[in-house]
Protein backbone atom coordinates (compact mmCIF):
# COMPACT_ATOMS: atom_id res chain seq x y z
CA MET A 1 85.71 115.79 62.95
CA ARG A 2 84.06 114.84 66.24
CA GLU A 3 87.05 116.19 68.20
CA LEU A 4 86.70 119.55 66.47
CA VAL A 5 83.04 120.17 67.21
CA ALA A 6 81.95 118.09 70.22
CA ASP A 7 83.00 120.58 72.95
CA LEU A 8 81.71 123.59 71.01
CA MET A 9 78.35 121.94 70.36
CA SER A 10 77.97 120.78 73.95
CA GLU A 11 78.73 124.24 75.34
CA GLY A 12 76.48 125.88 72.74
CA VAL A 13 73.43 123.88 73.78
CA GLY A 14 74.25 123.99 77.49
CA ALA A 15 74.94 120.26 77.64
CA SER A 16 78.36 120.78 79.16
CA VAL A 17 80.58 123.39 80.72
CA SER A 18 84.19 124.04 79.72
CA LYS A 19 86.86 122.52 81.92
CA THR A 20 88.16 125.96 82.95
CA VAL A 21 84.73 127.25 84.00
CA ARG A 22 84.00 123.98 85.85
CA GLU A 23 87.34 124.19 87.72
CA THR A 24 86.68 127.81 88.65
CA VAL A 25 83.18 127.11 89.95
CA MET A 26 84.43 124.10 91.92
CA ALA A 27 87.15 126.25 93.54
CA VAL A 28 84.50 128.72 94.73
CA ARG A 29 82.12 125.93 95.80
CA GLN A 30 84.81 124.34 97.99
CA GLN A 31 85.01 127.56 99.99
CA GLY A 32 81.46 127.04 101.25
CA ASP A 33 79.21 129.94 102.16
CA ASN A 34 82.00 132.51 102.29
CA GLY A 35 82.53 134.51 99.13
CA LEU A 36 85.93 134.72 97.50
CA SER A 37 87.87 137.53 95.87
CA ILE A 38 89.39 137.17 92.41
CA THR A 39 92.85 137.03 94.02
CA ALA A 40 91.79 134.20 96.34
CA ILE A 41 90.28 132.26 93.44
CA GLY A 42 93.49 132.75 91.46
CA LYS A 43 95.56 131.44 94.38
CA ARG A 44 93.30 128.39 94.75
CA LEU A 45 93.72 127.62 91.05
CA GLY A 46 97.39 128.57 90.84
CA LEU A 47 96.61 131.30 88.32
CA HIS A 48 97.46 134.97 87.88
CA LYS A 49 94.72 137.35 88.95
CA THR A 50 93.92 138.44 85.39
CA THR A 51 93.50 134.83 84.24
CA ALA A 52 91.30 134.08 87.25
CA LYS A 53 89.20 137.18 86.48
CA ALA A 54 88.64 136.03 82.88
CA ARG A 55 87.48 132.62 84.13
CA VAL A 56 85.23 134.17 86.77
CA ASP A 57 83.72 136.54 84.19
CA ALA A 58 82.91 133.57 81.92
CA ALA A 59 81.31 131.68 84.83
CA ILE A 60 79.30 134.76 85.86
CA GLU A 61 78.09 135.25 82.29
CA ALA A 62 76.94 131.62 82.24
CA GLY A 63 75.21 132.08 85.62
CA TYR A 64 77.35 129.57 87.55
CA LEU A 65 78.94 132.27 89.73
CA VAL A 66 77.57 135.56 91.07
CA ASN A 67 79.22 138.75 92.30
CA LEU A 68 77.61 139.82 95.57
CA GLU A 69 79.27 143.24 95.53
CA ALA A 70 76.93 145.54 93.61
CA LYS A 71 78.94 148.75 94.02
CA PRO A 72 81.42 149.41 91.20
CA GLY A 73 85.01 149.95 92.31
CA LEU A 74 84.77 147.75 95.40
CA PRO A 75 86.41 144.31 95.54
CA VAL A 76 84.17 141.57 94.22
CA ILE A 77 82.70 138.87 96.43
CA ILE A 78 82.19 135.76 94.31
CA LYS A 79 79.81 132.96 95.31
CA THR A 80 78.24 130.08 93.45
CA GLY A 81 75.15 130.69 91.35
CA ASP A 82 73.25 128.14 89.27
CA PRO A 83 74.35 124.52 89.69
CA LEU A 84 76.66 123.06 87.09
CA PRO A 85 74.98 120.60 84.73
CA ASP A 86 76.16 117.01 84.70
CA GLU A 87 78.50 116.19 81.86
CA VAL A 88 76.49 115.02 78.87
CA GLU A 89 78.04 113.34 75.86
CA LEU A 90 76.29 115.05 72.97
CA LEU A 91 78.22 113.24 70.24
CA PRO A 92 79.04 109.64 71.19
CA LEU A 93 82.37 108.14 70.20
CA PRO A 94 82.37 106.19 66.91
CA GLU A 95 83.48 103.07 68.80
CA ARG A 96 80.47 103.34 71.10
CA LEU A 97 78.12 103.68 68.14
CA ALA A 98 79.76 100.70 66.47
CA ALA A 99 79.27 98.62 69.62
CA MET A 100 75.60 99.67 69.82
CA CYS A 101 75.11 98.62 66.22
CA GLY A 102 77.02 95.36 66.48
CA GLY A 103 79.38 96.31 63.66
CA GLY A 104 82.53 98.19 62.87
CA VAL A 105 83.26 101.62 61.51
CA GLY A 106 81.69 102.15 58.09
CA VAL A 107 78.72 99.86 58.78
CA LEU A 108 75.24 101.20 58.24
CA CYS A 109 73.36 100.82 61.49
CA LEU A 110 69.71 100.49 60.54
CA LYS A 111 68.63 99.76 64.09
CA LYS A 112 69.88 103.14 65.36
CA ARG A 113 69.92 104.91 61.97
CA TYR A 114 73.53 106.02 62.25
CA ARG A 115 76.15 105.92 59.53
CA LEU A 116 79.48 105.18 61.17
CA GLY A 117 82.69 106.47 59.69
CA VAL A 118 83.40 107.36 56.10
């Protein structure tokens, strides 16, 4: 169950950023102060231009990248926006909870008030 919801929950509350958005932002950040085109970002990531554009659009929507070209129809100039948050583990692994509680899966952890496993 954890594997199904952990990434979605983390992204939903802003605790983490998807791997693809993080990779895209890092590719732009490595360029420095110079902006990049969608084509250049795609080449850096080894992706087709349309795939790179979808990633850039997601990063822009989240605020991690910005398009400096305000005029429609002109090539975009992409630069970094808001800083990426550090990776936060919203739902700890069951093994980690078990270790914190001093017991195994299925043990009621009164100290931390977690029920481990089913």
